[in-house]
Amino acid sequence: MSEELVRELIARPPMVRELPGFDAGRAPEEPAPLFVEWLRGALAAEVPDAQVVTLSTVDPEGMPDARVLVLRDVDPARSGWVFWADADSPKGRQLAAGPRAAMTVYWPQLGRQVRVRGAVRSAPAPAALTRSPGARAASLVGRQSEPLGSAAEYDAAFTAALAADPALPVPGHTVYTLEAATVEFWQGDPSRRHVRLRYERSASGWSRTLLWP
């Protein structure tokens, strides 16, 4: 272990700044509205990439995997967190083999974290799915996570994809919805009086439990 690195980390403790409070007793009955409230708060506070989340899955060998991606929507009716992915990507294949996942988001400026776990449902992407030219080109190139010979090889494929007919459908693109079974909200506090609230779904609806931090 690097003693120098340990000293640097100790000298920079997390969350030593003013953070918002969280009155768990006033939380809504279901988690999706609270998540949307916190997300909008992060956007209003100009947290960089506030809509970026970490999606965790498990591969066929049982090895956990995680990557960051963009949250596209929250469906309150299904308590669903919506994201897009290529069905032929590693995450798409992992979700097909075991359609359960976890999602984590952290907004550092606000000291807020949300954890979502549940089953994942997939549906074909609608024809009108809106993507930037760059995102569309990257999807057309495909071959995500496959070995790449050189950066020049990717640049050539990307340039060709940018010039492709805009009406050309993007193969394999899928809309996924993580339908929450549990959602946990965590509000950090500079004095370490953190607040944790867990929602759990049952046949009769949602329950809320305050947790030790």
C-alpha atoms as a PDB file:
ATOM      1  CA  MET A   1       0.000   0.000   0.000  1.00  0.00           C
ATOM      2  CA  SER A   2       1.257   3.470  -0.856  1.00  0.00           C
ATOM      3  CA  GLU A   3       1.633   5.517   2.336  1.00  0.00           C
ATOM      4  CA  GLU A   4       1.804   8.679   0.263  1.00  0.00           C
ATOM      5  CA  LEU A   5      -1.515   7.907  -1.417  1.00  0.00           C
ATOM      6  CA  VAL A   6      -3.127   7.059   1.936  1.00  0.00           C
ATOM      7  CA  ARG A   7      -2.027  10.436   3.312  1.00  0.00           C
ATOM      8  CA  GLU A   8      -3.432  12.218   0.268  1.00  0.00           C
ATOM      9  CA  LEU A   9      -6.793  10.478   0.656  1.00  0.00           C
ATOM     10  CA  ILE A  10      -6.988  11.202   4.393  1.00  0.00           C
ATOM     11  CA  ALA A  11      -6.228  14.859   3.669  1.00  0.00           C
ATOM     12  CA  ARG A  12      -9.227  15.083   1.346  1.00  0.00           C
ATOM     13  CA  PRO A  13     -12.220  13.617   3.206  1.00  0.00           C
ATOM     14  CA  PRO A  14     -15.445  13.379   1.194  1.00  0.00           C
ATOM     15  CA  MET A  15     -18.497  15.597   1.622  1.00  0.00           C
ATOM     16  CA  VAL A  16     -16.815  18.328   3.659  1.00  0.00           C
ATOM     17  CA  ARG A  17     -19.123  20.972   2.258  1.00  0.00           C
ATOM     18  CA  GLU A  18     -22.664  22.248   2.633  1.00  0.00           C
ATOM     19  CA  LEU A  19     -25.173  19.627   1.510  1.00  0.00           C
ATOM     20  CA  PRO A  20     -28.978  19.615   1.248  1.00  0.00           C
ATOM     21  CA  GLY A  21     -31.069  17.916   3.893  1.00  0.00           C
ATOM     22  CA  PHE A  22     -33.508  15.068   3.437  1.00  0.00           C
ATOM     23  CA  ASP A  23     -36.630  14.626   5.549  1.00  0.00           C
ATOM     24  CA  ALA A  24     -37.411  10.943   4.986  1.00  0.00           C
ATOM     25  CA  GLY A  25     -40.702  11.326   6.858  1.00  0.00           C
ATOM     26  CA  ARG A  26     -42.027  13.509   4.057  1.00  0.00           C
ATOM     27  CA  ALA A  27     -40.969  11.167   1.238  1.00  0.00           C
ATOM     28  CA  PRO A  28     -43.669  10.132  -1.268  1.00  0.00           C
ATOM     29  CA  GLU A  29     -45.345   6.720  -1.146  1.00  0.00           C
ATOM     30  CA  GLU A  30     -43.449   5.438  -4.195  1.00  0.00           C
ATOM     31  CA  PRO A  31     -39.792   5.855  -5.196  1.00  0.00           C
ATOM     32  CA  ALA A  32     -40.051   7.117  -8.788  1.00  0.00           C
ATOM     33  CA  PRO A  33     -41.393  10.600  -7.903  1.00  0.00           C
ATOM     34  CA  LEU A  34     -38.642  11.077  -5.313  1.00  0.00           C
ATOM     35  CA  PHE A  35     -35.995  10.018  -7.824  1.00  0.00           C
ATOM     36  CA  VAL A  36     -37.329  12.480 -10.400  1.00  0.00           C
ATOM     37  CA  GLU A  37     -37.299  15.228  -7.746  1.00  0.00           C
ATOM     38  CA  TRP A  38     -33.675  14.467  -6.888  1.00  0.00           C
ATOM     39  CA  LEU A  39     -32.676  14.228 -10.561  1.00  0.00           C
ATOM     40  CA  ARG A  40     -34.261  17.587 -11.331  1.00  0.00           C
ATOM     41  CA  GLY A  41     -32.495  19.019  -8.290  1.00  0.00           C
ATOM     42  CA  ALA A  42     -29.181  17.748  -9.662  1.00  0.00           C
ATOM     43  CA  LEU A  43     -29.939  19.265 -13.068  1.00  0.00           C
ATOM     44  CA  ALA A  44     -30.877  22.586 -11.441  1.00  0.00           C
ATOM     45  CA  ALA A  45     -27.633  22.505  -9.451  1.00  0.00           C
ATOM     46  CA  GLU A  46     -25.791  21.946 -12.762  1.00  0.00           C
ATOM     47  CA  VAL A  47     -24.234  18.700 -11.621  1.00  0.00           C
ATOM     48  CA  PRO A  48     -22.188  17.515 -14.645  1.00  0.00           C
ATOM     49  CA  ASP A  49     -23.762  14.552 -16.436  1.00  0.00           C
ATOM     50  CA  ALA A  50     -26.525  14.300 -13.834  1.00  0.00           C
ATOM     51  CA  GLN A  51     -28.384  11.796 -16.035  1.00  0.00           C
ATOM     52  CA  VAL A  52     -25.438   9.372 -16.189  1.00  0.00           C
ATOM     53  CA  VAL A  53     -25.828   6.204 -14.113  1.00  0.00           C
ATOM     54  CA  THR A  54     -23.884   3.002 -13.451  1.00  0.00           C
ATOM     55  CA  LEU A  55     -25.588  -0.187 -14.625  1.00  0.00           C
ATOM     56  CA  SER A  56     -24.440  -3.451 -13.021  1.00  0.00           C
ATOM     57  CA  THR A  57     -25.095  -6.912 -14.465  1.00  0.00           C
ATOM     58  CA  VAL A  58     -23.653 -10.429 -14.149  1.00  0.00           C
ATOM     59  CA  ASP A  59     -22.059 -12.427 -16.969  1.00  0.00           C
ATOM     60  CA  PRO A  60     -22.761 -16.144 -17.634  1.00  0.00           C
ATOM     61  CA  GLU A  61     -19.814 -17.127 -15.399  1.00  0.00           C
ATOM     62  CA  GLY A  62     -21.283 -15.187 -12.486  1.00  0.00           C
ATOM     63  CA  MET A  63     -18.715 -12.382 -12.697  1.00  0.00           C
ATOM     64  CA  PRO A  64     -20.198  -8.952 -11.921  1.00  0.00           C
ATOM     65  CA  ASP A  65     -19.868  -6.253 -14.551  1.00  0.00           C
ATOM     66  CA  ALA A  66     -20.597  -2.521 -14.510  1.00  0.00           C
ATOM     67  CA  ARG A  67     -20.516   0.430 -16.871  1.00  0.00           C
ATOM     68  CA  VAL A  68     -21.845   3.971 -17.055  1.00  0.00           C
ATOM     69  CA  LEU A  69     -24.634   4.887 -19.455  1.00  0.00           C
ATOM     70  CA  VAL A  70     -27.292   7.541 -19.968  1.00  0.00           C
ATOM     71  CA  LEU A  71     -30.652   7.356 -18.214  1.00  0.00           C
ATOM     72  CA  ARG A  72     -33.334   8.097 -20.820  1.00  0.00           C
ATOM     73  CA  ASP A  73     -36.547   8.267 -18.785  1.00  0.00           C
ATOM     74  CA  VAL A  74     -38.307   7.274 -15.577  1.00  0.00           C
ATOM     75  CA  ASP A  75     -41.712   5.597 -15.886  1.00  0.00           C
ATOM     76  CA  PRO A  76     -43.648   6.282 -12.653  1.00  0.00           C
ATOM     77  CA  ALA A  77     -46.473   3.900 -13.596  1.00  0.00           C
ATOM     78  CA  ARG A  78     -44.082   0.930 -13.672  1.00  0.00           C
ATOM     79  CA  SER A  79     -41.450   2.359 -11.308  1.00  0.00           C
ATOM     80  CA  GLY A  80     -39.167   1.809 -14.263  1.00  0.00           C
ATOM     81  CA  TRP A  81     -35.776   3.320 -15.072  1.00  0.00           C
ATOM     82  CA  VAL A  82     -35.315   3.443 -18.869  1.00  0.00           C
ATOM     83  CA  PHE A  83     -32.050   3.155 -20.811  1.00  0.00           C
ATOM     84  CA  TRP A  84     -31.004   2.256 -24.349  1.00  0.00           C
ATOM     85  CA  ALA A  85     -28.437  -0.324 -25.419  1.00  0.00           C
ATOM     86  CA  ASP A  86     -27.398  -2.526 -28.296  1.00  0.00           C
ATOM     87  CA  ALA A  87     -28.848  -6.000 -27.766  1.00  0.00           C
ATOM     88  CA  ASP A  88     -25.591  -7.458 -29.145  1.00  0.00           C
ATOM     89  CA  SER A  89     -23.371  -5.544 -26.695  1.00  0.00           C
ATOM     90  CA  PRO A  90     -21.972  -7.295 -23.601  1.00  0.00           C
ATOM     91  CA  LYS A  91     -24.614  -5.722 -21.396  1.00  0.00           C
ATOM     92  CA  GLY A  92     -27.352  -6.677 -23.845  1.00  0.00           C
ATOM     93  CA  ARG A  93     -26.193 -10.291 -23.887  1.00  0.00           C
ATOM     94  CA  GLN A  94     -25.903 -10.373 -20.109  1.00  0.00           C
ATOM     95  CA  LEU A  95     -29.421  -8.980 -19.715  1.00  0.00           C
ATOM     96  CA  ALA A  96     -30.752 -11.594 -22.136  1.00  0.00           C
ATOM     97  CA  ALA A  97     -29.132 -14.387 -20.111  1.00  0.00           C
ATOM     98  CA  GLY A  98     -30.217 -13.095 -16.700  1.00  0.00           C
ATOM     99  CA  PRO A  99     -32.698 -10.207 -16.948  1.00  0.00           C
ATOM    100  CA  ARG A 100     -31.910  -8.606 -13.595  1.00  0.00           C
ATOM    101  CA  ALA A 101     -29.728  -5.609 -12.925  1.00  0.00           C
ATOM    102  CA  ALA A 102     -28.779  -2.887 -10.493  1.00  0.00           C
ATOM    103  CA  MET A 103     -28.423   0.819 -11.196  1.00  0.00           C
ATOM    104  CA  THR A 104     -26.504   3.371  -9.140  1.00  0.00           C
ATOM    105  CA  VAL A 105     -26.342   7.133  -9.469  1.00  0.00           C
ATOM    106  CA  TYR A 106     -24.295   9.551  -7.383  1.00  0.00           C
ATOM    107  CA  TRP A 107     -24.489  13.332  -7.501  1.00  0.00           C
ATOM    108  CA  PRO A 108     -21.310  14.474  -5.690  1.00  0.00           C
ATOM    109  CA  GLN A 109     -22.196  18.160  -5.375  1.00  0.00           C
ATOM    110  CA  LEU A 110     -25.356  17.194  -3.470  1.00  0.00           C
ATOM    111  CA  GLY A 111     -23.968  14.165  -1.617  1.00  0.00           C
ATOM    112  CA  ARG A 112     -26.869  12.090  -2.903  1.00  0.00           C
ATOM    113  CA  GLN A 113     -26.854   8.463  -4.037  1.00  0.00           C
ATOM    114  CA  VAL A 114     -29.671   6.251  -5.328  1.00  0.00           C
ATOM    115  CA  ARG A 115     -29.516   2.459  -5.778  1.00  0.00           C
ATOM    116  CA  VAL A 116     -32.112   0.585  -7.843  1.00  0.00           C
ATOM    117  CA  ARG A 117     -32.432  -3.203  -8.212  1.00  0.00           C
ATOM    118  CA  GLY A 118     -34.934  -5.310 -10.110  1.00  0.00           C
ATOM    119  CA  ALA A 119     -35.922  -7.142 -13.273  1.00  0.00           C
ATOM    120  CA  VAL A 120     -35.210  -5.720 -16.718  1.00  0.00           C
ATOM    121  CA  ARG A 121     -37.740  -5.752 -19.572  1.00  0.00           C
ATOM    122  CA  SER A 122     -36.778  -5.084 -23.181  1.00  0.00           C
ATOM    123  CA  ALA A 123     -38.648  -3.704 -26.161  1.00  0.00           C
ATOM    124  CA  PRO A 124     -37.611  -2.799 -29.726  1.00  0.00           C
ATOM    125  CA  ALA A 125     -36.541   0.804 -30.096  1.00  0.00           C
ATOM    126  CA  PRO A 126     -39.243   2.960 -31.723  1.00  0.00           C
ATOM    127  CA  ALA A 127     -38.529   4.145 -35.254  1.00  0.00           C
ATOM    128  CA  ALA A 128     -38.603   7.763 -34.079  1.00  0.00           C
ATOM    129  CA  LEU A 129     -35.914   7.261 -31.436  1.00  0.00           C
ATOM    130  CA  THR A 130     -33.910  10.504 -31.398  1.00  0.00           C
ATOM    131  CA  ARG A 131     -30.122  10.337 -31.316  1.00  0.00           C
ATOM    132  CA  SER A 132     -27.357  12.822 -32.036  1.00  0.00           C
ATOM    133  CA  PRO A 133     -25.419  12.262 -35.292  1.00  0.00           C
ATOM    134  CA  GLY A 134     -22.418  11.047 -33.307  1.00  0.00           C
ATOM    135  CA  ALA A 135     -24.451   8.607 -31.201  1.00  0.00           C
ATOM    136  CA  ARG A 136     -26.190   7.313 -34.321  1.00  0.00           C
ATOM    137  CA  ALA A 137     -22.876   6.781 -36.086  1.00  0.00           C
ATOM    138  CA  ALA A 138     -21.414   4.950 -33.088  1.00  0.00           C
ATOM    139  CA  SER A 139     -24.449   2.648 -33.059  1.00  0.00           C
ATOM    140  CA  LEU A 140     -24.102   1.940 -36.774  1.00  0.00           C
ATOM    141  CA  VAL A 141     -20.425   1.071 -36.326  1.00  0.00           C
ATOM    142  CA  GLY A 142     -21.396  -1.456 -33.634  1.00  0.00           C
ATOM    143  CA  ARG A 143     -18.931  -4.200 -32.589  1.00  0.00           C
ATOM    144  CA  GLN A 144     -18.939  -2.822 -29.038  1.00  0.00           C
ATOM    145  CA  SER A 145     -16.160  -4.252 -26.813  1.00  0.00           C
ATOM    146  CA  GLU A 146     -14.682  -6.350 -29.639  1.00  0.00           C
ATOM    147  CA  PRO A 147     -10.882  -6.118 -30.206  1.00  0.00           C
ATOM    148  CA  LEU A 148      -9.879  -3.055 -32.272  1.00  0.00           C
ATOM    149  CA  GLY A 149      -6.823  -3.090 -34.515  1.00  0.00           C
ATOM    150  CA  SER A 150      -6.128   0.646 -34.358  1.00  0.00           C
ATOM    151  CA  ALA A 151      -7.735   4.002 -33.678  1.00  0.00           C
ATOM    152  CA  ALA A 152      -7.514   4.734 -37.415  1.00  0.00           C
ATOM    153  CA  GLU A 153      -9.688   1.697 -38.153  1.00  0.00           C
ATOM    154  CA  TYR A 154     -12.417   3.034 -35.873  1.00  0.00           C
ATOM    155  CA  ASP A 155     -12.092   6.566 -37.279  1.00  0.00           C
ATOM    156  CA  ALA A 156     -12.661   5.253 -40.812  1.00  0.00           C
ATOM    157  CA  ALA A 157     -15.713   3.230 -39.781  1.00  0.00           C
ATOM    158  CA  PHE A 158     -17.114   6.162 -37.781  1.00  0.00           C
ATOM    159  CA  THR A 159     -16.651   8.593 -40.687  1.00  0.00           C
ATOM    160  CA  ALA A 160     -18.423   6.193 -43.041  1.00  0.00           C
ATOM    161  CA  ALA A 161     -21.291   5.806 -40.569  1.00  0.00           C
ATOM    162  CA  LEU A 162     -21.667   9.587 -40.281  1.00  0.00           C
ATOM    163  CA  ALA A 163     -22.182   9.743 -44.037  1.00  0.00           C
ATOM    164  CA  ALA A 164     -24.795   6.968 -44.048  1.00  0.00           C
ATOM    165  CA  ASP A 165     -28.395   7.634 -45.051  1.00  0.00           C
ATOM    166  CA  PRO A 166     -30.225   9.112 -42.020  1.00  0.00           C
ATOM    167  CA  ALA A 167     -33.204   6.902 -42.847  1.00  0.00           C
ATOM    168  CA  LEU A 168     -31.087   3.767 -42.408  1.00  0.00           C
ATOM    169  CA  PRO A 169     -32.332   1.910 -39.297  1.00  0.00           C
ATOM    170  CA  VAL A 170     -29.850   1.192 -36.536  1.00  0.00           C
ATOM    171  CA  PRO A 171     -29.740  -2.586 -36.039  1.00  0.00           C
ATOM    172  CA  GLY A 172     -30.025  -4.155 -32.616  1.00  0.00           C
ATOM    173  CA  HIS A 173     -30.894  -1.017 -30.677  1.00  0.00           C
ATOM    174  CA  THR A 174     -33.189  -1.858 -27.758  1.00  0.00           C
ATOM    175  CA  VAL A 175     -35.050   0.048 -25.055  1.00  0.00           C
ATOM    176  CA  TYR A 176     -34.609  -1.501 -21.608  1.00  0.00           C
ATOM    177  CA  THR A 177     -36.629  -0.758 -18.479  1.00  0.00           C
ATOM    178  CA  LEU A 178     -35.303  -1.658 -15.054  1.00  0.00           C
ATOM    179  CA  GLU A 179     -38.494  -2.295 -13.065  1.00  0.00           C
ATOM    180  CA  ALA A 180     -37.490  -1.645  -9.484  1.00  0.00           C
ATOM    181  CA  ALA A 181     -37.980  -4.190  -6.708  1.00  0.00           C
ATOM    182  CA  THR A 182     -35.992  -2.089  -4.230  1.00  0.00           C
ATOM    183  CA  VAL A 183     -34.841   1.523  -4.350  1.00  0.00           C
ATOM    184  CA  GLU A 184     -32.585   3.078  -1.746  1.00  0.00           C
ATOM    185  CA  PHE A 185     -32.016   6.807  -1.300  1.00  0.00           C
ATOM    186  CA  TRP A 186     -28.935   8.037   0.552  1.00  0.00           C
ATOM    187  CA  GLN A 187     -28.342  11.632   1.606  1.00  0.00           C
ATOM    188  CA  GLY A 188     -24.847  12.407   2.836  1.00  0.00           C
ATOM    189  CA  ASP A 189     -24.146  14.777   5.708  1.00  0.00           C
ATOM    190  CA  PRO A 190     -20.832  16.530   6.537  1.00  0.00           C
ATOM    191  CA  SER A 191     -21.142  15.426  10.182  1.00  0.00           C
ATOM    192  CA  ARG A 192     -21.791  11.824   9.046  1.00  0.00           C
ATOM    193  CA  ARG A 193     -25.444  11.907  10.132  1.00  0.00           C
ATOM    194  CA  HIS A 194     -26.376  10.390   6.785  1.00  0.00           C
ATOM    195  CA  VAL A 195     -29.987   9.510   5.946  1.00  0.00           C
ATOM    196  CA  ARG A 196     -30.919   6.237   4.188  1.00  0.00           C
ATOM    197  CA  LEU A 197     -34.431   5.369   3.061  1.00  0.00           C
ATOM    198  CA  ARG A 198     -35.281   2.065   1.358  1.00  0.00           C
ATOM    199  CA  TYR A 199     -38.397   1.347  -0.703  1.00  0.00           C
ATOM    200  CA  GLU A 200     -39.420  -2.283  -1.245  1.00  0.00           C
ATOM    201  CA  ARG A 201     -42.083  -3.486  -3.650  1.00  0.00           C
ATOM    202  CA  SER A 202     -44.533  -6.243  -2.712  1.00  0.00           C
ATOM    203  CA  ALA A 203     -47.801  -7.561  -4.151  1.00  0.00           C
ATOM    204  CA  SER A 204     -49.671  -4.955  -2.120  1.00  0.00           C
ATOM    205  CA  GLY A 205     -47.511  -1.998  -3.122  1.00  0.00           C
ATOM    206  CA  TRP A 206     -44.497  -0.151  -1.757  1.00  0.00           C
ATOM    207  CA  SER A 207     -43.191  -0.014   1.802  1.00  0.00           C
ATOM    208  CA  ARG A 208     -40.632   2.451   3.189  1.00  0.00           C
ATOM    209  CA  THR A 209     -37.983   1.710   5.793  1.00  0.00           C
ATOM    210  CA  LEU A 210     -35.518   4.101   7.384  1.00  0.00           C
ATOM    211  CA  LEU A 211     -32.074   2.439   7.644  1.00  0.00           C
ATOM    212  CA  TRP A 212     -29.070   2.956   9.857  1.00  0.00           C
ATOM    213  CA  PRO A 213     -26.525   4.924   7.809  1.00  0.00           C
END
